[in-house]
Amino acid sequence: MLEGKAVLRETDMPGQMQSHAMELAYQALDLHEVSDCQSIAHYIKQLTTFVTAKQKFDDVYGPAWHCVVGKDFGCCITHLSGSFIFFQVEMMEFLIFKDGRDFSESKEEAIGVLQQFQKSDT
């Protein structure tokens, strides 16, 4: 486990959601090896602990959340307003954000859009 305090680098999340994200990061670091970034990210995305129940992060704050965990990485993302946090606990960096895409399309609709795009590209 890393013992350091979280250093907030950038966010547009409400304070309560920020605290929740950081608490999940600490829990994940307690449960997983620091080198196992994939398991840490999966834990943060999938679980959240409230007083009486465990629920998926997506269920609490809506679908389409993403979590990236690692050391010394950069990225360029698009996210919904109020749903972005980037913080660091010692050498580990955490990026949590909600995607702005609408996932109400069916799989068939998404495949159709992809096929149309591929036809127009040739």
N, C-alpha and C. Protein backbone atom coordinates (compact mmCIF):
# COMPACT_ATOMS: atom_id res chain seq x y z
N MET A 1 0.84 -1.19 0.00
CA MET A 1 0.00 0.00 0.00
C MET A 1 0.88 1.24 0.00
N LEU A 2 0.40 2.26 -0.67
CA LEU A 2 1.07 3.56 -0.64
C LEU A 2 0.45 4.37 0.49
N GLU A 3 1.28 5.01 1.26
CA GLU A 3 0.80 5.72 2.44
C GLU A 3 0.59 7.22 2.20
N GLY A 4 1.02 7.73 1.06
CA GLY A 4 0.98 9.16 0.82
C GLY A 4 -0.42 9.72 0.68
N LYS A 5 -0.51 11.01 0.85
CA LYS A 5 -1.78 11.72 0.69
C LYS A 5 -2.01 11.99 -0.80
N ALA A 6 -3.25 11.92 -1.22
CA ALA A 6 -3.59 12.18 -2.62
C ALA A 6 -3.34 13.66 -2.94
N VAL A 7 -2.73 13.88 -4.10
CA VAL A 7 -2.48 15.23 -4.58
C VAL A 7 -3.37 15.45 -5.80
N LEU A 8 -4.31 16.35 -5.67
CA LEU A 8 -5.25 16.66 -6.74
C LEU A 8 -4.53 17.48 -7.80
N ARG A 9 -4.54 16.99 -9.04
CA ARG A 9 -3.86 17.71 -10.11
C ARG A 9 -4.84 18.51 -10.97
N GLU A 10 -6.01 17.94 -11.21
CA GLU A 10 -7.02 18.63 -12.02
C GLU A 10 -8.37 17.95 -11.79
N THR A 11 -9.43 18.75 -11.73
CA THR A 11 -10.77 18.17 -11.58
C THR A 11 -11.84 19.19 -11.93
N ASP A 12 -12.99 18.69 -12.28
CA ASP A 12 -14.19 19.53 -12.35
C ASP A 12 -15.36 18.82 -11.66
N MET A 13 -15.03 17.80 -10.85
CA MET A 13 -16.04 17.04 -10.10
C MET A 13 -16.48 17.80 -8.86
N PRO A 14 -17.71 17.56 -8.42
CA PRO A 14 -18.13 18.09 -7.12
C PRO A 14 -17.28 17.47 -6.00
N GLY A 15 -17.14 18.17 -4.90
CA GLY A 15 -16.29 17.75 -3.80
C GLY A 15 -16.58 16.36 -3.26
N GLN A 16 -17.85 16.03 -3.09
CA GLN A 16 -18.21 14.72 -2.54
C GLN A 16 -17.77 13.60 -3.48
N MET A 17 -17.93 13.80 -4.78
CA MET A 17 -17.53 12.80 -5.76
C MET A 17 -16.01 12.66 -5.79
N GLN A 18 -15.29 13.79 -5.64
CA GLN A 18 -13.83 13.74 -5.57
C GLN A 18 -13.37 12.88 -4.40
N SER A 19 -13.96 13.13 -3.24
CA SER A 19 -13.60 12.36 -2.05
C SER A 19 -13.88 10.88 -2.24
N HIS A 20 -15.00 10.59 -2.87
CA HIS A 20 -15.38 9.21 -3.13
C HIS A 20 -14.35 8.54 -4.05
N ALA A 21 -13.96 9.20 -5.12
CA ALA A 21 -12.98 8.65 -6.05
C ALA A 21 -11.65 8.38 -5.36
N MET A 22 -11.20 9.31 -4.53
CA MET A 22 -9.94 9.14 -3.83
C MET A 22 -10.01 8.02 -2.80
N GLU A 23 -11.14 7.91 -2.11
CA GLU A 23 -11.32 6.82 -1.15
C GLU A 23 -11.26 5.47 -1.85
N LEU A 24 -11.89 5.36 -3.02
CA LEU A 24 -11.83 4.11 -3.78
C LEU A 24 -10.40 3.80 -4.20
N ALA A 25 -9.63 4.82 -4.55
CA ALA A 25 -8.23 4.60 -4.92
C ALA A 25 -7.44 4.04 -3.75
N TYR A 26 -7.65 4.60 -2.56
CA TYR A 26 -6.97 4.08 -1.36
C TYR A 26 -7.38 2.63 -1.08
N GLN A 27 -8.66 2.33 -1.21
CA GLN A 27 -9.13 0.96 -0.99
C GLN A 27 -8.49 0.01 -1.99
N ALA A 28 -8.44 0.42 -3.26
CA ALA A 28 -7.86 -0.42 -4.30
C ALA A 28 -6.37 -0.67 -4.03
N LEU A 29 -5.67 0.36 -3.57
CA LEU A 29 -4.25 0.20 -3.26
C LEU A 29 -4.04 -0.72 -2.07
N ASP A 30 -4.98 -0.74 -1.13
CA ASP A 30 -4.91 -1.66 0.00
C ASP A 30 -5.09 -3.12 -0.44
N LEU A 31 -5.94 -3.33 -1.44
CA LEU A 31 -6.30 -4.69 -1.85
C LEU A 31 -5.40 -5.28 -2.94
N HIS A 32 -4.72 -4.45 -3.71
CA HIS A 32 -3.97 -4.92 -4.87
C HIS A 32 -2.51 -4.46 -4.81
N GLU A 33 -1.67 -5.22 -5.49
CA GLU A 33 -0.27 -4.83 -5.62
C GLU A 33 -0.19 -3.51 -6.38
N VAL A 34 0.72 -2.65 -6.01
CA VAL A 34 0.86 -1.35 -6.66
C VAL A 34 1.16 -1.52 -8.15
N SER A 35 1.85 -2.58 -8.51
CA SER A 35 2.20 -2.81 -9.92
C SER A 35 1.03 -3.33 -10.75
N ASP A 36 -0.07 -3.72 -10.12
CA ASP A 36 -1.23 -4.28 -10.83
C ASP A 36 -2.24 -3.17 -11.16
N CYS A 37 -1.86 -2.30 -12.07
CA CYS A 37 -2.68 -1.13 -12.41
C CYS A 37 -4.05 -1.51 -12.94
N GLN A 38 -4.11 -2.60 -13.70
CA GLN A 38 -5.39 -3.01 -14.28
C GLN A 38 -6.40 -3.39 -13.20
N SER A 39 -5.97 -4.15 -12.20
CA SER A 39 -6.88 -4.54 -11.11
C SER A 39 -7.30 -3.33 -10.27
N ILE A 40 -6.38 -2.41 -10.07
CA ILE A 40 -6.71 -1.19 -9.31
C ILE A 40 -7.78 -0.39 -10.05
N ALA A 41 -7.58 -0.19 -11.36
CA ALA A 41 -8.55 0.57 -12.16
C ALA A 41 -9.89 -0.14 -12.18
N HIS A 42 -9.89 -1.45 -12.33
CA HIS A 42 -11.13 -2.22 -12.36
C HIS A 42 -11.89 -2.07 -11.04
N TYR A 43 -11.18 -2.13 -9.94
CA TYR A 43 -11.80 -1.99 -8.62
C TYR A 43 -12.49 -0.63 -8.49
N ILE A 44 -11.81 0.42 -8.89
CA ILE A 44 -12.37 1.77 -8.77
C ILE A 44 -13.61 1.91 -9.63
N LYS A 45 -13.56 1.41 -10.86
CA LYS A 45 -14.69 1.53 -11.77
C LYS A 45 -15.88 0.69 -11.31
N GLN A 46 -15.62 -0.49 -10.79
CA GLN A 46 -16.70 -1.44 -10.49
C GLN A 46 -17.31 -1.31 -9.12
N LEU A 47 -16.57 -0.85 -8.13
CA LEU A 47 -17.09 -0.90 -6.77
C LEU A 47 -17.13 0.46 -6.11
N THR A 48 -18.12 0.63 -5.30
CA THR A 48 -18.20 1.80 -4.44
C THR A 48 -18.87 1.37 -3.15
N THR A 49 -18.39 1.80 -2.03
CA THR A 49 -18.94 1.37 -0.76
C THR A 49 -19.70 2.52 -0.11
N PHE A 50 -20.96 2.29 0.18
CA PHE A 50 -21.75 3.23 0.94
C PHE A 50 -22.06 2.59 2.28
N VAL A 51 -22.84 3.25 3.08
CA VAL A 51 -23.08 2.78 4.44
C VAL A 51 -23.64 1.36 4.46
N THR A 52 -24.59 1.04 3.58
CA THR A 52 -25.23 -0.26 3.67
C THR A 52 -25.06 -1.15 2.44
N ALA A 53 -24.61 -0.64 1.34
CA ALA A 53 -24.59 -1.45 0.12
C ALA A 53 -23.36 -1.20 -0.73
N LYS A 54 -23.00 -2.22 -1.50
CA LYS A 54 -21.95 -2.06 -2.49
C LYS A 54 -22.62 -1.99 -3.86
N GLN A 55 -22.23 -1.01 -4.64
CA GLN A 55 -22.82 -0.82 -5.95
C GLN A 55 -21.72 -0.51 -6.95
N LYS A 56 -22.00 -0.73 -8.21
CA LYS A 56 -21.05 -0.36 -9.25
C LYS A 56 -20.98 1.16 -9.35
N PHE A 57 -19.79 1.65 -9.67
CA PHE A 57 -19.60 3.09 -9.86
C PHE A 57 -20.56 3.61 -10.92
N ASP A 58 -20.73 2.82 -12.00
CA ASP A 58 -21.65 3.21 -13.06
C ASP A 58 -23.09 3.34 -12.54
N ASP A 59 -23.48 2.47 -11.62
CA ASP A 59 -24.84 2.50 -11.08
C ASP A 59 -25.06 3.74 -10.22
N VAL A 60 -24.01 4.16 -9.51
CA VAL A 60 -24.15 5.30 -8.62
C VAL A 60 -24.22 6.61 -9.39
N TYR A 61 -23.33 6.78 -10.36
CA TYR A 61 -23.21 8.06 -11.07
C TYR A 61 -23.61 7.99 -12.54
N GLY A 62 -24.21 6.89 -12.97
CA GLY A 62 -24.60 6.73 -14.36
C GLY A 62 -23.53 5.99 -15.14
N PRO A 63 -23.86 5.51 -16.35
CA PRO A 63 -22.94 4.67 -17.12
C PRO A 63 -21.81 5.46 -17.79
N ALA A 64 -20.89 4.71 -18.34
CA ALA A 64 -19.80 5.19 -19.22
C ALA A 64 -18.61 5.79 -18.47
N TRP A 65 -18.29 5.29 -17.27
CA TRP A 65 -17.13 5.75 -16.54
C TRP A 65 -15.88 5.00 -16.98
N HIS A 66 -14.75 5.70 -16.95
CA HIS A 66 -13.47 5.11 -17.30
C HIS A 66 -12.47 5.44 -16.21
N CYS A 67 -11.53 4.54 -16.00
CA CYS A 67 -10.50 4.74 -14.99
C CYS A 67 -9.16 4.29 -15.55
N VAL A 68 -8.18 5.16 -15.50
CA VAL A 68 -6.83 4.85 -15.95
C VAL A 68 -5.91 5.01 -14.75
N VAL A 69 -5.09 3.99 -14.52
CA VAL A 69 -4.15 4.01 -13.39
C VAL A 69 -2.77 3.67 -13.92
N GLY A 70 -1.78 4.43 -13.51
CA GLY A 70 -0.42 4.13 -13.96
C GLY A 70 0.57 5.13 -13.40
N LYS A 71 1.75 5.10 -14.00
CA LYS A 71 2.84 5.99 -13.59
C LYS A 71 3.26 6.81 -14.79
N ASP A 72 3.30 8.11 -14.62
CA ASP A 72 3.86 9.00 -15.63
C ASP A 72 3.25 8.81 -17.01
N PHE A 73 1.94 9.03 -17.13
CA PHE A 73 1.28 8.92 -18.42
C PHE A 73 0.61 10.24 -18.78
N GLY A 74 0.31 10.41 -20.04
CA GLY A 74 -0.40 11.57 -20.52
C GLY A 74 -1.56 11.12 -21.39
N CYS A 75 -2.53 11.98 -21.59
CA CYS A 75 -3.66 11.61 -22.42
C CYS A 75 -4.42 12.86 -22.85
N CYS A 76 -5.28 12.65 -23.80
CA CYS A 76 -6.20 13.69 -24.26
C CYS A 76 -7.57 13.03 -24.36
N ILE A 77 -8.53 13.49 -23.59
CA ILE A 77 -9.84 12.84 -23.53
C ILE A 77 -10.95 13.87 -23.71
N THR A 78 -12.12 13.35 -24.00
CA THR A 78 -13.35 14.14 -23.97
C THR A 78 -14.21 13.56 -22.86
N HIS A 79 -14.77 14.43 -22.02
CA HIS A 79 -15.57 13.94 -20.90
C HIS A 79 -16.74 14.87 -20.68
N LEU A 80 -17.71 14.35 -19.94
CA LEU A 80 -18.86 15.18 -19.57
C LEU A 80 -18.44 16.16 -18.49
N SER A 81 -18.97 17.34 -18.54
CA SER A 81 -18.68 18.37 -17.55
C SER A 81 -19.06 17.87 -16.16
N GLY A 82 -18.16 18.10 -15.20
CA GLY A 82 -18.42 17.69 -13.83
C GLY A 82 -18.09 16.24 -13.54
N SER A 83 -17.36 15.59 -14.45
CA SER A 83 -17.11 14.16 -14.27
C SER A 83 -15.65 13.78 -14.52
N PHE A 84 -14.72 14.66 -14.18
CA PHE A 84 -13.30 14.43 -14.45
C PHE A 84 -12.47 14.67 -13.20
N ILE A 85 -11.56 13.73 -12.92
CA ILE A 85 -10.60 13.94 -11.83
C ILE A 85 -9.29 13.28 -12.21
N PHE A 86 -8.20 13.98 -11.92
CA PHE A 86 -6.85 13.46 -12.14
C PHE A 86 -6.07 13.76 -10.88
N PHE A 87 -5.63 12.70 -10.19
CA PHE A 87 -4.91 12.89 -8.94
C PHE A 87 -3.79 11.86 -8.83
N GLN A 88 -2.94 12.08 -7.84
CA GLN A 88 -1.76 11.25 -7.67
C GLN A 88 -1.65 10.84 -6.21
N VAL A 89 -1.30 9.58 -5.97
CA VAL A 89 -0.97 9.08 -4.64
C VAL A 89 0.46 8.56 -4.76
N GLU A 90 1.39 9.29 -4.18
CA GLU A 90 2.82 9.03 -4.34
C GLU A 90 3.14 8.92 -5.82
N MET A 91 3.59 7.75 -6.31
CA MET A 91 3.99 7.65 -7.71
C MET A 91 2.87 7.18 -8.63
N MET A 92 1.72 6.81 -8.08
CA MET A 92 0.60 6.31 -8.89
C MET A 92 -0.33 7.46 -9.28
N GLU A 93 -0.70 7.50 -10.55
CA GLU A 93 -1.62 8.51 -11.05
C GLU A 93 -2.96 7.87 -11.37
N PHE A 94 -4.03 8.62 -11.11
CA PHE A 94 -5.39 8.13 -11.31
C PHE A 94 -6.16 9.14 -12.16
N LEU A 95 -6.73 8.66 -13.24
CA LEU A 95 -7.59 9.48 -14.10
C LEU A 95 -8.94 8.79 -14.15
N ILE A 96 -9.98 9.48 -13.69
CA ILE A 96 -11.33 8.93 -13.69
C ILE A 96 -12.22 9.95 -14.40
N PHE A 97 -12.98 9.48 -15.37
CA PHE A 97 -13.85 10.40 -16.12
C PHE A 97 -15.03 9.65 -16.70
N LYS A 98 -16.06 10.41 -17.00
CA LYS A 98 -17.27 9.86 -17.61
C LYS A 98 -17.30 10.26 -19.07
N ASP A 99 -17.45 9.27 -19.91
CA ASP A 99 -17.49 9.47 -21.35
C ASP A 99 -18.78 10.19 -21.74
N GLY A 100 -18.73 10.99 -22.76
CA GLY A 100 -19.89 11.74 -23.20
C GLY A 100 -20.75 11.04 -24.22
N ARG A 101 -20.39 9.81 -24.60
CA ARG A 101 -21.15 9.11 -25.63
C ARG A 101 -22.47 8.59 -25.09
N ASP A 102 -23.43 8.45 -26.00
CA ASP A 102 -24.74 7.90 -25.66
C ASP A 102 -24.72 6.41 -25.99
N PHE A 103 -24.85 5.56 -24.97
CA PHE A 103 -24.80 4.13 -25.18
C PHE A 103 -26.18 3.52 -25.34
N SER A 104 -27.15 4.32 -25.73
CA SER A 104 -28.50 3.78 -25.92
C SER A 104 -28.65 3.09 -27.27
N GLU A 105 -27.68 3.30 -28.19
CA GLU A 105 -27.75 2.63 -29.48
C GLU A 105 -27.60 1.13 -29.28
N SER A 106 -28.26 0.38 -30.13
CA SER A 106 -28.09 -1.06 -30.07
C SER A 106 -26.78 -1.44 -30.76
N LYS A 107 -26.36 -2.67 -30.55
CA LYS A 107 -25.13 -3.16 -31.17
C LYS A 107 -25.26 -3.11 -32.69
N GLU A 108 -26.43 -3.46 -33.21
CA GLU A 108 -26.64 -3.47 -34.66
C GLU A 108 -26.52 -2.06 -35.24
N GLU A 109 -27.06 -1.06 -34.54
CA GLU A 109 -26.96 0.32 -35.00
C GLU A 109 -25.50 0.78 -35.04
N ALA A 110 -24.75 0.42 -34.03
CA ALA A 110 -23.35 0.80 -33.97
C ALA A 110 -22.56 0.15 -35.10
N ILE A 111 -22.85 -1.13 -35.39
CA ILE A 111 -22.16 -1.82 -36.49
C ILE A 111 -22.53 -1.17 -37.82
N GLY A 112 -23.79 -0.80 -37.99
CA GLY A 112 -24.23 -0.13 -39.22
C GLY A 112 -23.51 1.18 -39.44
N VAL A 113 -23.33 1.98 -38.39
CA VAL A 113 -22.60 3.24 -38.51
C VAL A 113 -21.16 2.98 -38.90
N LEU A 114 -20.55 1.97 -38.31
CA LEU A 114 -19.16 1.63 -38.63
C LEU A 114 -19.04 1.19 -40.09
N GLN A 115 -19.97 0.37 -40.55
CA GLN A 115 -19.92 -0.08 -41.94
C GLN A 115 -20.10 1.08 -42.91
N GLN A 116 -20.99 2.01 -42.61
CA GLN A 116 -21.17 3.18 -43.46
C GLN A 116 -19.90 4.02 -43.52
N PHE A 117 -19.25 4.17 -42.38
CA PHE A 117 -18.01 4.92 -42.32
C PHE A 117 -16.93 4.26 -43.16
N GLN A 118 -16.84 2.93 -43.08
CA GLN A 118 -15.82 2.19 -43.83
C GLN A 118 -16.08 2.30 -45.33
N LYS A 119 -17.34 2.27 -45.76
CA LYS A 119 -17.69 2.40 -47.19
C LYS A 119 -17.30 3.79 -47.71
N SER A 120 -17.56 4.82 -46.91
CA SER A 120 -17.26 6.18 -47.36
C SER A 120 -15.76 6.45 -47.36
N ASP A 121 -15.01 5.67 -46.60
CA ASP A 121 -13.56 5.85 -46.51
C ASP A 121 -12.84 5.27 -47.72
N THR A 122 -13.47 4.32 -48.44
CA THR A 122 -12.81 3.69 -49.59
C THR A 122 -13.09 4.38 -50.89
